[in-house]
């Protein structure tokens, strides 16, 4: 990883940590988030996955906010650190610990392949 990539990664981690802390307060059942990026193709390659505990809590978030509030929160925080993505819907995805446990025996590294 190049020095500039590492700096960008640290900036991204800081921004997403703030989003995570706010989301833990805002969204029932939200547990954690992670990201993946190929910095040679950044920010187009950025993928953020937001994890809820159950499908029921994820469904409630969809019904209440149509996931826009969560995505807007992420987009706003990224923009505040000069990371702009064209269409936040293509960069932010949602999943549940329930589905990972059922489909991948709780092995996130397999699920994210």
C-alpha atoms as a PDB file:
ATOM      1  CA  UNK A   1       0.000   0.000   0.000  1.00  0.00           C
ATOM      2  CA  UNK A   2       1.373   3.385  -0.988  1.00  0.00           C
ATOM      3  CA  UNK A   3       1.799   6.112   1.600  1.00  0.00           C
ATOM      4  CA  UNK A   4      -1.045   8.148   0.051  1.00  0.00           C
ATOM      5  CA  UNK A   5      -3.294   5.080   0.087  1.00  0.00           C
ATOM      6  CA  UNK A   6      -2.546   4.495   3.767  1.00  0.00           C
ATOM      7  CA  UNK A   7      -3.387   8.117   4.572  1.00  0.00           C
ATOM      8  CA  UNK A   8      -6.663   7.820   2.655  1.00  0.00           C
ATOM      9  CA  UNK A   9      -7.434   4.534   4.416  1.00  0.00           C
ATOM     10  CA  UNK A  10      -6.893   6.143   7.825  1.00  0.00           C
ATOM     11  CA  UNK A  11      -9.139   9.082   6.881  1.00  0.00           C
ATOM     12  CA  UNK A  12     -11.816   6.671   5.689  1.00  0.00           C
ATOM     13  CA  UNK A  13     -11.581   4.572   8.859  1.00  0.00           C
ATOM     14  CA  UNK A  14     -11.951   7.685  11.005  1.00  0.00           C
ATOM     15  CA  UNK A  15     -15.027   8.842   9.100  1.00  0.00           C
ATOM     16  CA  UNK A  16     -16.662   5.414   9.151  1.00  0.00           C
ATOM     17  CA  UNK A  17     -15.934   5.024  12.863  1.00  0.00           C
ATOM     18  CA  UNK A  18     -17.898   8.211  13.504  1.00  0.00           C
ATOM     19  CA  UNK A  19     -20.758   6.930  11.329  1.00  0.00           C
ATOM     20  CA  UNK A  20     -20.722   3.622  13.192  1.00  0.00           C
ATOM     21  CA  UNK A  21     -20.926   5.305  16.589  1.00  0.00           C
ATOM     22  CA  UNK A  22     -23.844   7.488  15.462  1.00  0.00           C
ATOM     23  CA  UNK A  23     -25.630   4.548  13.814  1.00  0.00           C
ATOM     24  CA  UNK A  24     -25.401   2.473  16.996  1.00  0.00           C
ATOM     25  CA  UNK A  25     -27.506   5.160  18.674  1.00  0.00           C
ATOM     26  CA  UNK A  26     -29.826   5.799  15.723  1.00  0.00           C
ATOM     27  CA  UNK A  27     -30.777   2.393  14.298  1.00  0.00           C
ATOM     28  CA  UNK A  28     -32.215  -0.463  16.375  1.00  0.00           C
ATOM     29  CA  UNK A  29     -30.286  -3.653  15.782  1.00  0.00           C
ATOM     30  CA  UNK A  30     -27.354  -2.053  13.976  1.00  0.00           C
ATOM     31  CA  UNK A  31     -24.161  -3.823  15.057  1.00  0.00           C
ATOM     32  CA  UNK A  32     -21.150  -2.762  12.986  1.00  0.00           C
ATOM     33  CA  UNK A  33     -19.898  -1.831   9.540  1.00  0.00           C
ATOM     34  CA  UNK A  34     -16.898  -2.584   7.390  1.00  0.00           C
ATOM     35  CA  UNK A  35     -15.478  -1.435   4.093  1.00  0.00           C
ATOM     36  CA  UNK A  36     -13.492  -2.699   1.128  1.00  0.00           C
ATOM     37  CA  UNK A  37     -11.607  -0.660  -1.444  1.00  0.00           C
ATOM     38  CA  UNK A  38      -9.070  -0.971  -4.208  1.00  0.00           C
ATOM     39  CA  UNK A  39      -7.236   2.325  -3.867  1.00  0.00           C
ATOM     40  CA  UNK A  40      -6.093   2.204  -7.497  1.00  0.00           C
ATOM     41  CA  UNK A  41      -9.760   2.743  -8.412  1.00  0.00           C
ATOM     42  CA  UNK A  42     -10.898   4.831  -5.460  1.00  0.00           C
ATOM     43  CA  UNK A  43     -13.551   6.045  -4.726  1.00  0.00           C
ATOM     44  CA  UNK A  44     -15.350   4.008  -7.392  1.00  0.00           C
ATOM     45  CA  UNK A  45     -14.191   0.761  -5.795  1.00  0.00           C
ATOM     46  CA  UNK A  46     -15.409   1.650  -2.296  1.00  0.00           C
ATOM     47  CA  UNK A  47     -17.928  -0.759  -0.775  1.00  0.00           C
ATOM     48  CA  UNK A  48     -19.382  -0.275   2.695  1.00  0.00           C
ATOM     49  CA  UNK A  49     -21.386  -3.044   4.359  1.00  0.00           C
ATOM     50  CA  UNK A  50     -23.639  -2.197   7.312  1.00  0.00           C
ATOM     51  CA  UNK A  51     -24.497  -5.138   9.542  1.00  0.00           C
ATOM     52  CA  UNK A  52     -27.682  -5.527  11.586  1.00  0.00           C
ATOM     53  CA  UNK A  53     -28.321  -8.273  14.114  1.00  0.00           C
ATOM     54  CA  UNK A  54     -31.529  -9.699  12.619  1.00  0.00           C
ATOM     55  CA  UNK A  55     -33.491  -9.574   9.394  1.00  0.00           C
ATOM     56  CA  UNK A  56     -36.404  -8.189  11.401  1.00  0.00           C
ATOM     57  CA  UNK A  57     -34.407  -5.167  12.575  1.00  0.00           C
ATOM     58  CA  UNK A  58     -33.038  -4.595   9.080  1.00  0.00           C
ATOM     59  CA  UNK A  59     -36.596  -4.733   7.712  1.00  0.00           C
ATOM     60  CA  UNK A  60     -37.740  -2.232  10.324  1.00  0.00           C
ATOM     61  CA  UNK A  61     -34.976   0.154   9.247  1.00  0.00           C
ATOM     62  CA  UNK A  62     -36.019  -0.259   5.600  1.00  0.00           C
ATOM     63  CA  UNK A  63     -39.672   0.417   6.477  1.00  0.00           C
ATOM     64  CA  UNK A  64     -38.940   3.411   8.660  1.00  0.00           C
ATOM     65  CA  UNK A  65     -36.245   5.106   6.579  1.00  0.00           C
ATOM     66  CA  UNK A  66     -36.086   3.236   3.265  1.00  0.00           C
ATOM     67  CA  UNK A  67     -32.351   3.013   4.071  1.00  0.00           C
ATOM     68  CA  UNK A  68     -31.906   6.594   2.777  1.00  0.00           C
ATOM     69  CA  UNK A  69     -31.182   8.021   6.214  1.00  0.00           C
ATOM     70  CA  UNK A  70     -28.330   5.587   6.806  1.00  0.00           C
ATOM     71  CA  UNK A  71     -26.866   6.113   3.344  1.00  0.00           C
ATOM     72  CA  UNK A  72     -27.220   9.896   3.647  1.00  0.00           C
ATOM     73  CA  UNK A  73     -25.390   9.780   6.970  1.00  0.00           C
ATOM     74  CA  UNK A  74     -22.509   7.892   5.338  1.00  0.00           C
ATOM     75  CA  UNK A  75     -22.436  10.130   2.261  1.00  0.00           C
ATOM     76  CA  UNK A  76     -22.392  13.278   4.385  1.00  0.00           C
ATOM     77  CA  UNK A  77     -19.529  12.009   6.560  1.00  0.00           C
ATOM     78  CA  UNK A  78     -17.514  10.925   3.521  1.00  0.00           C
ATOM     79  CA  UNK A  79     -18.053  14.312   1.895  1.00  0.00           C
ATOM     80  CA  UNK A  80     -16.853  16.039   5.082  1.00  0.00           C
ATOM     81  CA  UNK A  81     -13.460  14.347   4.579  1.00  0.00           C
ATOM     82  CA  UNK A  82     -13.393  15.069   0.822  1.00  0.00           C
ATOM     83  CA  UNK A  83     -14.428  11.595  -0.331  1.00  0.00           C
ATOM     84  CA  UNK A  84     -17.198  11.916  -2.892  1.00  0.00           C
ATOM     85  CA  UNK A  85     -19.007   9.021  -4.517  1.00  0.00           C
ATOM     86  CA  UNK A  86     -21.349   9.350  -7.481  1.00  0.00           C
ATOM     87  CA  UNK A  87     -24.226   7.169  -6.320  1.00  0.00           C
ATOM     88  CA  UNK A  88     -24.115   6.190  -2.654  1.00  0.00           C
ATOM     89  CA  UNK A  89     -26.610   3.364  -3.315  1.00  0.00           C
ATOM     90  CA  UNK A  90     -23.976   1.459  -5.296  1.00  0.00           C
ATOM     91  CA  UNK A  91     -21.416   1.794  -2.492  1.00  0.00           C
ATOM     92  CA  UNK A  92     -23.455   0.982   0.641  1.00  0.00           C
ATOM     93  CA  UNK A  93     -24.999  -2.430   1.245  1.00  0.00           C
ATOM     94  CA  UNK A  94     -26.797  -4.011   4.182  1.00  0.00           C
ATOM     95  CA  UNK A  95     -26.559  -7.481   5.675  1.00  0.00           C
ATOM     96  CA  UNK A  96     -27.404  -9.281   8.916  1.00  0.00           C
ATOM     97  CA  UNK A  97     -25.600 -11.482  11.388  1.00  0.00           C
ATOM     98  CA  UNK A  98     -28.645 -13.752  11.189  1.00  0.00           C
ATOM     99  CA  UNK A  99     -28.126 -14.401   7.463  1.00  0.00           C
ATOM    100  CA  UNK A 100     -24.380 -14.873   7.850  1.00  0.00           C
ATOM    101  CA  UNK A 101     -24.929 -17.427  10.589  1.00  0.00           C
ATOM    102  CA  UNK A 102     -27.566 -19.249   8.523  1.00  0.00           C
ATOM    103  CA  UNK A 103     -25.774 -19.147   5.151  1.00  0.00           C
ATOM    104  CA  UNK A 104     -22.073 -19.067   6.099  1.00  0.00           C
ATOM    105  CA  UNK A 105     -21.964 -20.519   9.636  1.00  0.00           C
ATOM    106  CA  UNK A 106     -21.086 -17.048  10.933  1.00  0.00           C
ATOM    107  CA  UNK A 107     -17.884 -16.860   8.877  1.00  0.00           C
ATOM    108  CA  UNK A 108     -17.826 -13.305   7.598  1.00  0.00           C
ATOM    109  CA  UNK A 109     -14.570 -13.774   5.690  1.00  0.00           C
ATOM    110  CA  UNK A 110     -16.349 -16.364   3.539  1.00  0.00           C
ATOM    111  CA  UNK A 111     -19.420 -14.207   3.116  1.00  0.00           C
ATOM    112  CA  UNK A 112     -17.396 -11.208   1.948  1.00  0.00           C
ATOM    113  CA  UNK A 113     -15.455 -13.152  -0.712  1.00  0.00           C
END
